[in-house]
Amino acid sequence: MSSSSGDEGDLDLYAILGVDKSASPNDIRKAYRKLALIHHPDKVPEDQRPEAEAKFKTIQQAYEILSDEEKREMYDVHGMAAFDPSKGGGHGGHGANMDDIFAAMFGMGGMGGMGGMPRRPKRSPDEEQPYKVALEELYKGKTVKFAAEKQVVCRQCKGSGAKENVKPNKCERCKGRGLVEAYQSIGPNMARQVVIPCDHCSGSGMFYKEKDRCKKCKGKRTCKETKALELYIPPGSMEGDRIVLEGEADQLPDQAPGDLIFHLVEEPHDVFTRIGHDLSADLKVTLIEALAGFSRVVVKHLDGRGIHINHPRGKVLRPGDVLKVPGEGMPVKKSDMKGDLYLVVKIEFPEDGWLQDDSQYDALAKLLPPPAKPIEAEEIDDVEYETGADIQQMGAHQGDPRYGNDWEDDDDEEDAGPQCATQ
């Protein structure tokens, strides 16, 4: 891994990318892309390029570590020392610190055992999955009861995998440790050494002949079981919130069960848009309402209530005006507070030809303010025009870099990993 100038031990990789320690992989990727746009050496003047190159390499280094789950976990526990060979870190590093690093990565009790083989994890892995939820359910809260199929330690053999009073044989493949070393491909012609449960003995370290195996679990030590669980989503919960059911992940023998974790995914809503605790919605009014006021229900809220507004005559509403209704946004979790509701004015104009004759146009002209003064010019051209044009097509296919922000659009495509800095 490339090193940046200065003392790497003092580097705060989260601060470099401008994200919190709790940032999701998607947050980290977005932050990296944004900084790459600003500090890419090809995007700065020549005299600023050396400084931009150094900054860009530092950003790349932060992204390379924080975007890799294992490296990030090592960094969170040991900082940059985890990648410093002189301190027992880095590729091929040895020393006491590596015991702690393996413990942090695998939940293992250091490098004890024969041949430096780590001991078994003390806790089974957590299970994480997304859970889609409607905005109405996030507003009101929700309790979900469901049946989960999970692996549990076999009650008949109590996780031994064998019949009662059967003497076990030490597994020849893992030498009784329950774990074996294997190689995992990480790219073309590249592999890394990993530690995995022995598939010969199912990680128990003991092997039984088929006739001696437990009849219920067939020697696998665990059985499938369906359990009724309950998921509570508090009012005001947000996209990305984690709902943790402690100890409800699959059970493994000799280990405490991990957690079942749901990540909330907010589904798009037809009426409301949410940012934080605030909501926004379109306020559709007719032309006469925009000019002469109105008193009516303008939107049906997420809990079914109608939101009524009195807009007085004399206060003209214009397209894009925003009305704020305090306290009608989303609930704030664990409090009685709510965010605000923002209503964005959209004026519905009449259809073409809605007036029948010239006398009606003349009457309307007398009611409305007069037109602006004519623009004076020495030469005047009478031109033809087209209706329904798309402003997004302005400058299309003409080579102007201001059209469409091409460089940013390219960067928003599927992330292909850190970019290469100019050498």
Protein backbone atom coordinates (compact mmCIF):
# COMPACT_ATOMS: atom_id res chain seq x y z
CA MET A 1 0.00 0.00 0.00
CA SER A 2 1.33 3.42 -0.90
CA SER A 3 2.23 5.75 1.95
CA SER A 4 1.43 9.43 2.22
CA SER A 5 3.76 12.01 3.68
CA GLY A 6 3.70 12.59 7.42
CA ASP A 7 3.08 10.24 10.30
CA GLU A 8 0.57 7.67 9.10
CA GLY A 9 -0.22 6.78 12.69
CA ASP A 10 -1.93 10.15 13.02
CA LEU A 11 -4.10 9.75 9.92
CA ASP A 12 -7.85 9.92 10.50
CA LEU A 13 -9.18 8.21 7.38
CA TYR A 14 -12.78 9.08 8.21
CA ALA A 15 -11.88 12.77 8.53
CA ILE A 16 -9.99 12.64 5.22
CA LEU A 17 -13.16 11.47 3.44
CA GLY A 18 -15.37 13.71 5.57
CA VAL A 19 -17.59 10.90 6.89
CA ASP A 20 -18.58 9.58 10.31
CA LYS A 21 -17.25 6.31 11.73
CA SER A 22 -20.75 4.88 11.29
CA ALA A 23 -20.79 5.70 7.55
CA SER A 24 -22.18 3.00 5.28
CA PRO A 25 -20.14 1.65 2.31
CA ASN A 26 -22.38 3.72 0.03
CA ASP A 27 -21.65 6.90 2.04
CA ILE A 28 -17.92 6.20 1.81
CA ARG A 29 -18.11 5.63 -1.95
CA LYS A 30 -20.08 8.86 -2.49
CA ALA A 31 -17.62 10.86 -0.36
CA TYR A 32 -14.67 9.43 -2.31
CA ARG A 33 -16.25 10.31 -5.65
CA LYS A 34 -16.97 13.86 -4.53
CA LEU A 35 -13.41 14.42 -3.30
CA ALA A 36 -11.99 12.77 -6.43
CA LEU A 37 -13.82 15.34 -8.54
CA ILE A 38 -12.29 18.19 -6.56
CA HIS A 39 -8.71 16.95 -6.13
CA HIS A 40 -8.03 14.89 -9.27
CA PRO A 41 -4.67 16.11 -10.64
CA ASP A 42 -6.08 16.41 -14.17
CA LYS A 43 -8.65 18.93 -12.98
CA VAL A 44 -6.35 21.56 -11.42
CA PRO A 45 -3.92 24.12 -12.87
CA GLU A 46 -0.35 22.97 -13.52
CA ASP A 47 1.11 24.90 -10.57
CA GLN A 48 -1.30 23.16 -8.16
CA ARG A 49 -0.73 19.66 -9.52
CA PRO A 50 1.95 18.41 -7.02
CA GLU A 51 -0.24 19.37 -4.07
CA ALA A 52 -3.32 17.84 -5.75
CA GLU A 53 -1.42 14.59 -6.45
CA ALA A 54 -0.42 14.25 -2.78
CA LYS A 55 -3.96 14.99 -1.62
CA PHE A 56 -5.43 12.60 -4.18
CA LYS A 57 -3.13 9.76 -3.07
CA THR A 58 -4.19 10.32 0.54
CA ILE A 59 -7.86 10.21 -0.49
CA GLN A 60 -7.21 7.01 -2.47
CA GLN A 61 -5.46 5.40 0.49
CA ALA A 62 -8.37 6.26 2.80
CA TYR A 63 -10.86 4.85 0.30
CA GLU A 64 -8.87 1.65 -0.30
CA ILE A 65 -8.92 0.86 3.43
CA LEU A 66 -12.43 2.01 4.37
CA SER A 67 -14.09 0.45 1.32
CA ASP A 68 -12.65 -2.98 2.19
CA GLU A 69 -14.61 -4.55 5.05
CA GLU A 70 -11.67 -6.45 6.56
CA LYS A 71 -9.19 -3.57 6.23
CA ARG A 72 -11.72 -1.17 7.72
CA GLU A 73 -12.24 -3.47 10.70
CA MET A 74 -8.47 -3.71 11.22
CA TYR A 75 -8.14 0.09 10.99
CA ASP A 76 -10.98 0.70 13.46
CA VAL A 77 -9.21 -1.44 16.07
CA HIS A 78 -5.53 -0.63 15.44
CA GLY A 79 -5.42 2.48 13.29
CA MET A 80 -2.73 2.75 10.61
CA ALA A 81 -0.45 0.55 12.72
CA ALA A 82 -2.36 -2.41 11.29
CA PHE A 83 -0.73 -1.68 7.92
CA ASP A 84 2.77 -0.83 9.16
CA PRO A 85 5.14 -3.84 8.81
CA SER A 86 7.48 -2.38 11.44
CA LYS A 87 4.65 -2.70 13.99
CA GLY A 88 3.54 -6.18 13.05
CA GLY A 89 0.96 -5.05 10.48
CA GLY A 90 0.94 -4.98 6.70
CA HIS A 91 1.22 -7.93 4.34
CA GLY A 92 3.26 -10.71 5.82
CA GLY A 93 3.84 -8.87 9.09
CA HIS A 94 4.42 -10.84 12.30
CA GLY A 95 4.26 -9.90 15.94
CA ALA A 96 1.99 -9.65 18.94
CA ASN A 97 -0.28 -7.08 17.33
CA MET A 98 -1.41 -9.58 14.72
CA ASP A 99 -3.08 -11.67 17.44
CA ASP A 100 -5.34 -8.74 18.20
CA ILE A 101 -5.98 -8.10 14.53
CA PHE A 102 -7.09 -11.70 13.92
CA ALA A 103 -9.27 -11.52 17.03
CA ALA A 104 -10.92 -8.38 15.71
CA MET A 105 -11.41 -9.86 12.24
CA PHE A 106 -12.66 -13.33 13.19
CA GLY A 107 -13.77 -13.02 16.83
CA MET A 108 -11.03 -15.52 17.71
CA GLY A 109 -8.92 -15.82 20.81
CA GLY A 110 -5.56 -15.07 19.22
CA MET A 111 -3.11 -17.33 17.40
CA GLY A 112 -3.09 -20.11 19.96
CA GLY A 113 -3.23 -23.78 19.09
CA MET A 114 -0.91 -25.97 17.08
CA GLY A 115 0.77 -24.46 14.06
CA GLY A 116 -0.43 -20.95 14.89
CA MET A 117 -4.03 -21.90 14.00
CA PRO A 118 -6.59 -19.45 15.48
CA ARG A 119 -9.08 -20.83 17.96
CA ARG A 120 -12.75 -21.04 17.05
CA PRO A 121 -14.85 -17.88 17.04
CA LYS A 122 -16.65 -17.23 20.32
CA ARG A 123 -19.73 -15.87 18.56
CA SER A 124 -21.52 -16.88 15.38
CA PRO A 125 -21.74 -14.28 12.58
CA ASP A 126 -24.47 -11.66 12.53
CA GLU A 127 -27.02 -11.92 9.74
CA GLU A 128 -27.96 -8.68 8.00
CA GLN A 129 -30.69 -8.06 5.46
CA PRO A 130 -32.71 -5.13 4.06
CA TYR A 131 -36.33 -4.57 5.05
CA LYS A 132 -38.53 -2.43 2.81
CA VAL A 133 -40.97 -0.18 4.64
CA ALA A 134 -43.55 2.34 3.42
CA LEU A 135 -43.38 5.99 4.49
CA GLU A 136 -46.76 5.64 6.24
CA GLU A 137 -45.27 2.84 8.39
CA LEU A 138 -42.24 4.95 9.26
CA TYR A 139 -44.60 7.78 10.26
CA LYS A 140 -46.93 5.70 12.46
CA GLY A 141 -44.53 2.95 13.52
CA LYS A 142 -45.05 -0.74 12.88
CA THR A 143 -44.84 -4.11 14.60
CA VAL A 144 -44.17 -7.06 12.31
CA LYS A 145 -44.64 -10.64 13.41
CA PHE A 146 -43.00 -13.24 11.21
CA ALA A 147 -41.72 -16.80 11.20
CA ALA A 148 -37.97 -17.16 10.73
CA GLU A 149 -36.28 -20.39 9.70
CA LYS A 150 -32.92 -20.70 11.42
CA GLN A 151 -30.28 -23.23 12.39
CA VAL A 152 -30.33 -24.25 16.06
CA VAL A 153 -28.08 -26.57 18.03
CA CYS A 154 -29.50 -30.08 17.86
CA ARG A 155 -31.38 -30.77 21.09
CA GLN A 156 -31.05 -34.51 20.78
CA CYS A 157 -27.25 -34.69 20.69
CA LYS A 158 -26.71 -31.22 22.23
CA GLY A 159 -24.51 -30.25 19.31
CA SER A 160 -22.09 -33.18 19.41
CA GLY A 161 -23.39 -34.70 16.19
CA ALA A 162 -23.20 -38.22 17.64
CA LYS A 163 -25.39 -40.73 19.36
CA GLU A 164 -25.25 -40.95 23.14
CA ASN A 165 -22.16 -42.62 24.68
CA VAL A 166 -20.34 -42.77 21.33
CA LYS A 167 -16.62 -42.05 21.63
CA PRO A 168 -15.54 -39.44 19.07
CA ASN A 169 -12.56 -39.74 16.75
CA LYS A 170 -10.32 -36.76 16.18
CA CYS A 171 -10.82 -35.38 12.67
CA GLU A 172 -7.76 -36.23 10.61
CA ARG A 173 -8.17 -33.32 8.24
CA CYS A 174 -8.11 -30.50 10.81
CA LYS A 175 -6.29 -32.44 13.58
CA GLY A 176 -9.16 -31.80 15.97
CA ARG A 177 -9.05 -28.01 15.68
CA GLY A 178 -12.28 -27.63 13.67
CA LEU A 179 -10.61 -25.07 11.41
CA VAL A 180 -8.49 -25.39 8.30
CA GLU A 181 -6.48 -22.97 6.21
CA ALA A 182 -7.57 -22.37 2.63
CA TYR A 183 -6.76 -20.02 -0.23
CA GLN A 184 -9.33 -17.55 -1.51
CA SER A 185 -9.04 -15.94 -4.94
CA ILE A 186 -9.04 -12.14 -4.80
CA GLY A 187 -8.17 -11.42 -8.43
CA PRO A 188 -6.30 -12.71 -11.48
CA ASN A 189 -3.33 -14.76 -10.27
CA MET A 190 -3.88 -13.46 -6.74
CA ALA A 191 -5.02 -15.33 -3.64
CA ARG A 192 -4.99 -14.87 0.11
CA GLN A 193 -4.87 -17.37 2.93
CA VAL A 194 -8.03 -17.62 5.04
CA VAL A 195 -9.24 -19.75 7.94
CA ILE A 196 -12.55 -21.61 7.45
CA PRO A 197 -14.51 -24.32 9.35
CA CYS A 198 -13.45 -27.82 8.43
CA ASP A 199 -16.02 -29.30 6.05
CA HIS A 200 -15.05 -32.87 6.99
CA CYS A 201 -16.19 -32.57 10.62
CA SER A 202 -18.50 -29.53 10.25
CA GLY A 203 -16.13 -27.52 12.43
CA SER A 204 -16.43 -29.76 15.49
CA GLY A 205 -12.91 -31.19 15.35
CA MET A 206 -14.41 -34.65 15.85
CA PHE A 207 -15.47 -37.19 13.25
CA TYR A 208 -18.05 -39.96 13.63
CA LYS A 209 -18.79 -42.93 11.48
CA GLU A 210 -22.17 -42.80 9.79
CA LYS A 211 -23.67 -45.45 12.10
CA ASP A 212 -22.62 -43.41 15.14
CA ARG A 213 -24.10 -40.10 14.01
CA CYS A 214 -27.13 -38.48 15.61
CA LYS A 215 -30.31 -39.58 13.86
CA LYS A 216 -31.92 -36.15 14.09
CA CYS A 217 -29.16 -33.89 12.75
CA LYS A 218 -27.31 -36.61 10.75
CA GLY A 219 -24.05 -35.56 12.38
CA LYS A 220 -24.35 -31.90 11.27
CA ARG A 221 -24.79 -30.76 14.90
CA THR A 222 -27.54 -28.28 14.02
CA CYS A 223 -31.13 -28.57 12.77
CA LYS A 224 -33.51 -26.21 11.01
CA GLU A 225 -36.19 -24.72 13.20
CA THR A 226 -38.95 -22.17 12.61
CA LYS A 227 -39.31 -19.51 15.31
CA ALA A 228 -41.88 -16.73 15.70
CA LEU A 229 -40.15 -13.34 15.91
CA GLU A 230 -41.34 -9.77 16.30
CA LEU A 231 -39.85 -6.69 14.62
CA TYR A 232 -40.71 -3.26 16.05
CA ILE A 233 -40.15 -0.16 13.93
CA PRO A 234 -40.52 3.01 16.07
CA PRO A 235 -42.36 6.04 14.63
CA GLY A 236 -39.90 8.38 12.92
CA SER A 237 -37.43 5.66 11.92
CA MET A 238 -35.26 6.52 8.95
CA GLU A 239 -33.72 4.95 5.88
CA GLY A 240 -30.67 2.95 6.97
CA ASP A 241 -31.75 2.52 10.60
CA ARG A 242 -30.76 -0.85 12.06
CA ILE A 243 -33.31 -2.98 13.92
CA VAL A 244 -31.39 -5.59 15.93
CA LEU A 245 -32.88 -8.84 17.18
CA GLU A 246 -30.19 -9.97 19.59
CA GLY A 247 -29.11 -13.60 19.48
CA GLU A 248 -31.55 -14.55 16.70
CA ALA A 249 -29.01 -15.44 14.01
CA ASP A 250 -28.16 -19.07 13.23
CA GLN A 251 -26.78 -21.01 16.19
CA LEU A 252 -23.46 -22.83 16.01
CA PRO A 253 -22.20 -25.32 18.62
CA ASP A 254 -19.87 -23.90 21.29
CA GLN A 255 -20.65 -20.33 20.22
CA ALA A 256 -22.98 -17.59 21.36
CA PRO A 257 -25.50 -16.83 18.60
CA GLY A 258 -25.05 -13.65 16.58
CA ASP A 259 -27.72 -11.03 15.95
CA LEU A 260 -30.35 -10.79 13.22
CA ILE A 261 -30.09 -7.24 11.87
CA PHE A 262 -32.57 -5.51 9.55
CA HIS A 263 -31.58 -2.39 7.61
CA LEU A 264 -34.63 -0.24 6.86
CA VAL A 265 -35.15 0.71 3.22
CA GLU A 266 -37.67 3.51 2.71
CA GLU A 267 -39.87 2.95 -0.33
CA PRO A 268 -40.63 5.94 -2.62
CA HIS A 269 -43.95 7.67 -1.93
CA ASP A 270 -46.41 9.00 -4.51
CA VAL A 271 -47.16 12.23 -2.63
CA PHE A 272 -44.46 13.01 -0.06
CA THR A 273 -40.69 13.36 -0.23
CA ARG A 274 -38.73 13.01 3.00
CA ILE A 275 -35.42 14.56 4.04
CA GLY A 276 -34.52 14.01 7.70
CA HIS A 277 -37.59 14.80 9.81
CA ASP A 278 -39.14 17.11 7.19
CA LEU A 279 -41.62 16.30 4.44
CA SER A 280 -42.45 18.05 1.19
CA ALA A 281 -45.38 17.71 -1.19
CA ASP A 282 -46.76 19.54 -4.21
CA LEU A 283 -49.53 22.06 -3.52
CA LYS A 284 -51.63 22.03 -6.68
CA VAL A 285 -53.85 25.10 -7.04
CA THR A 286 -55.91 26.44 -9.93
CA LEU A 287 -55.18 29.82 -11.47
CA ILE A 288 -58.19 31.40 -9.75
CA GLU A 289 -57.02 29.99 -6.38
CA ALA A 290 -53.54 31.40 -6.93
CA LEU A 291 -55.02 34.84 -7.65
CA ALA A 292 -58.05 34.97 -5.36
CA GLY A 293 -57.20 32.65 -2.45
CA PHE A 294 -58.86 29.46 -1.22
CA SER A 295 -59.89 27.50 1.88
CA ARG A 296 -59.76 23.71 1.54
CA VAL A 297 -57.94 20.46 2.34
CA VAL A 298 -54.78 20.49 0.25
CA VAL A 299 -53.23 17.09 1.06
CA LYS A 300 -54.04 13.85 2.88
CA HIS A 301 -51.35 13.15 5.48
CA LEU A 302 -49.59 9.84 6.14
CA ASP A 303 -51.93 9.07 9.04
CA GLY A 304 -55.07 9.79 7.01
CA ARG A 305 -55.73 13.32 8.31
CA GLY A 306 -56.67 16.07 5.85
CA ILE A 307 -54.42 19.15 6.04
CA HIS A 308 -56.66 22.23 5.63
CA ILE A 309 -55.27 25.62 4.58
CA ASN A 310 -56.86 29.10 4.45
CA HIS A 311 -55.03 31.25 1.93
CA PRO A 312 -56.41 34.80 1.94
CA ARG A 313 -57.35 36.90 -1.06
CA GLY A 314 -54.83 39.55 -1.99
CA LYS A 315 -51.80 37.28 -1.46
CA VAL A 316 -50.96 35.92 -4.89
CA LEU A 317 -49.33 32.48 -5.11
CA ARG A 318 -46.68 32.05 -7.79
CA PRO A 319 -45.18 28.86 -9.29
CA GLY A 320 -42.41 27.57 -7.01
CA ASP A 321 -43.60 29.42 -3.90
CA VAL A 322 -43.19 27.32 -0.75
CA LEU A 323 -45.52 27.25 2.24
CA LYS A 324 -44.19 25.76 5.48
CA VAL A 325 -46.53 24.03 7.92
CA PRO A 326 -44.62 23.70 11.23
CA GLY A 327 -44.95 20.44 13.14
CA GLU A 328 -46.53 18.43 10.31
CA GLY A 329 -43.42 16.56 9.22
CA MET A 330 -42.16 13.18 10.42
CA PRO A 331 -42.05 12.27 14.13
CA VAL A 332 -38.70 12.54 15.87
CA LYS A 333 -37.88 9.20 17.49
CA LYS A 334 -38.16 9.03 21.27
CA SER A 335 -39.72 12.50 21.55
CA ASP A 336 -42.99 14.36 21.02
CA MET A 337 -41.45 16.60 18.37
CA LYS A 338 -42.11 16.53 14.64
CA GLY A 339 -40.44 18.04 11.62
CA ASP A 340 -42.09 20.48 9.22
CA LEU A 341 -44.16 20.05 6.06
CA TYR A 342 -43.12 22.08 3.00
CA LEU A 343 -45.76 22.63 0.30
CA VAL A 344 -44.39 23.59 -3.12
CA VAL A 345 -46.87 25.56 -5.21
CA LYS A 346 -47.76 24.10 -8.60
CA ILE A 347 -50.30 26.21 -10.54
CA GLU A 348 -52.64 24.36 -12.87
CA PHE A 349 -53.29 26.67 -15.80
CA PRO A 350 -56.44 26.38 -17.96
CA GLU A 351 -56.46 24.36 -21.16
CA ASP A 352 -56.01 26.13 -24.49
CA GLY A 353 -59.18 27.78 -25.74
CA TRP A 354 -60.91 27.86 -22.37
CA LEU A 355 -62.43 31.28 -23.17
CA GLN A 356 -65.18 31.22 -25.80
CA ASP A 357 -65.00 34.61 -27.56
CA ASP A 358 -63.19 37.94 -27.76
CA SER A 359 -65.50 39.60 -25.28
CA GLN A 360 -64.38 37.20 -22.54
CA TYR A 361 -60.72 37.90 -23.33
CA ASP A 362 -61.42 41.62 -23.18
CA ALA A 363 -63.18 41.23 -19.83
CA LEU A 364 -60.26 39.21 -18.45
CA ALA A 365 -57.75 41.78 -19.71
CA LYS A 366 -59.58 44.48 -17.76
CA LEU A 367 -59.29 42.45 -14.54
CA LEU A 368 -55.60 41.53 -14.80
CA PRO A 369 -52.60 43.90 -14.53
CA PRO A 370 -51.57 45.50 -17.86
CA PRO A 371 -48.73 43.98 -19.92
CA ALA A 372 -45.15 45.24 -19.60
CA LYS A 373 -43.95 48.16 -21.71
CA PRO A 374 -42.77 47.13 -25.18
CA ILE A 375 -39.03 46.56 -25.61
CA GLU A 376 -37.59 49.15 -27.99
CA ALA A 377 -35.09 48.12 -30.68
CA GLU A 378 -33.79 49.71 -33.90
CA GLU A 379 -34.47 46.56 -35.88
CA ILE A 380 -37.24 44.05 -35.22
CA ASP A 381 -37.58 40.52 -36.68
CA ASP A 382 -40.88 38.67 -36.64
CA VAL A 383 -39.84 35.03 -35.93
CA GLU A 384 -41.49 31.61 -35.78
CA TYR A 385 -41.31 29.52 -32.59
CA GLU A 386 -41.95 25.98 -31.41
CA THR A 387 -43.82 25.00 -28.25
CA GLY A 388 -43.04 22.13 -25.88
CA ALA A 389 -39.24 22.42 -26.20
CA ASP A 390 -36.97 20.54 -23.77
CA ILE A 391 -34.47 22.85 -22.04
CA GLN A 392 -32.32 19.79 -21.21
CA GLN A 393 -31.44 19.59 -24.92
CA MET A 394 -29.81 23.02 -24.88
CA GLY A 395 -26.20 22.58 -26.05
CA ALA A 396 -26.57 18.86 -26.76
CA HIS A 397 -23.93 17.21 -29.00
CA GLN A 398 -22.05 20.48 -29.52
CA GLY A 399 -18.84 19.71 -27.61
CA ASP A 400 -19.36 22.25 -24.83
CA PRO A 401 -18.17 20.75 -21.48
CA ARG A 402 -20.88 22.70 -19.66
CA TYR A 403 -23.56 20.50 -21.23
CA GLY A 404 -24.68 17.66 -18.94
CA ASN A 405 -21.62 17.79 -16.60
CA ASP A 406 -20.13 14.87 -18.54
CA TRP A 407 -17.19 14.18 -16.18
CA GLU A 408 -19.42 13.91 -13.11
CA ASP A 409 -21.89 11.67 -14.97
CA ASP A 410 -19.11 9.29 -15.96
CA ASP A 411 -17.93 9.09 -12.37
CA ASP A 412 -21.44 8.22 -11.17
CA GLU A 413 -21.37 4.99 -13.17
CA GLU A 414 -20.55 1.68 -11.49
CA ASP A 415 -17.53 2.23 -9.28
CA ALA A 416 -14.47 0.57 -10.74
CA GLY A 417 -12.24 1.15 -7.72
CA PRO A 418 -9.78 3.91 -6.85
CA GLN A 419 -8.48 6.00 -9.75
CA CYS A 420 -4.81 6.22 -10.54
CA ALA A 421 -3.03 9.43 -9.63
CA THR A 422 -0.75 11.08 -12.16
CA GLN A 423 2.87 10.16 -11.49
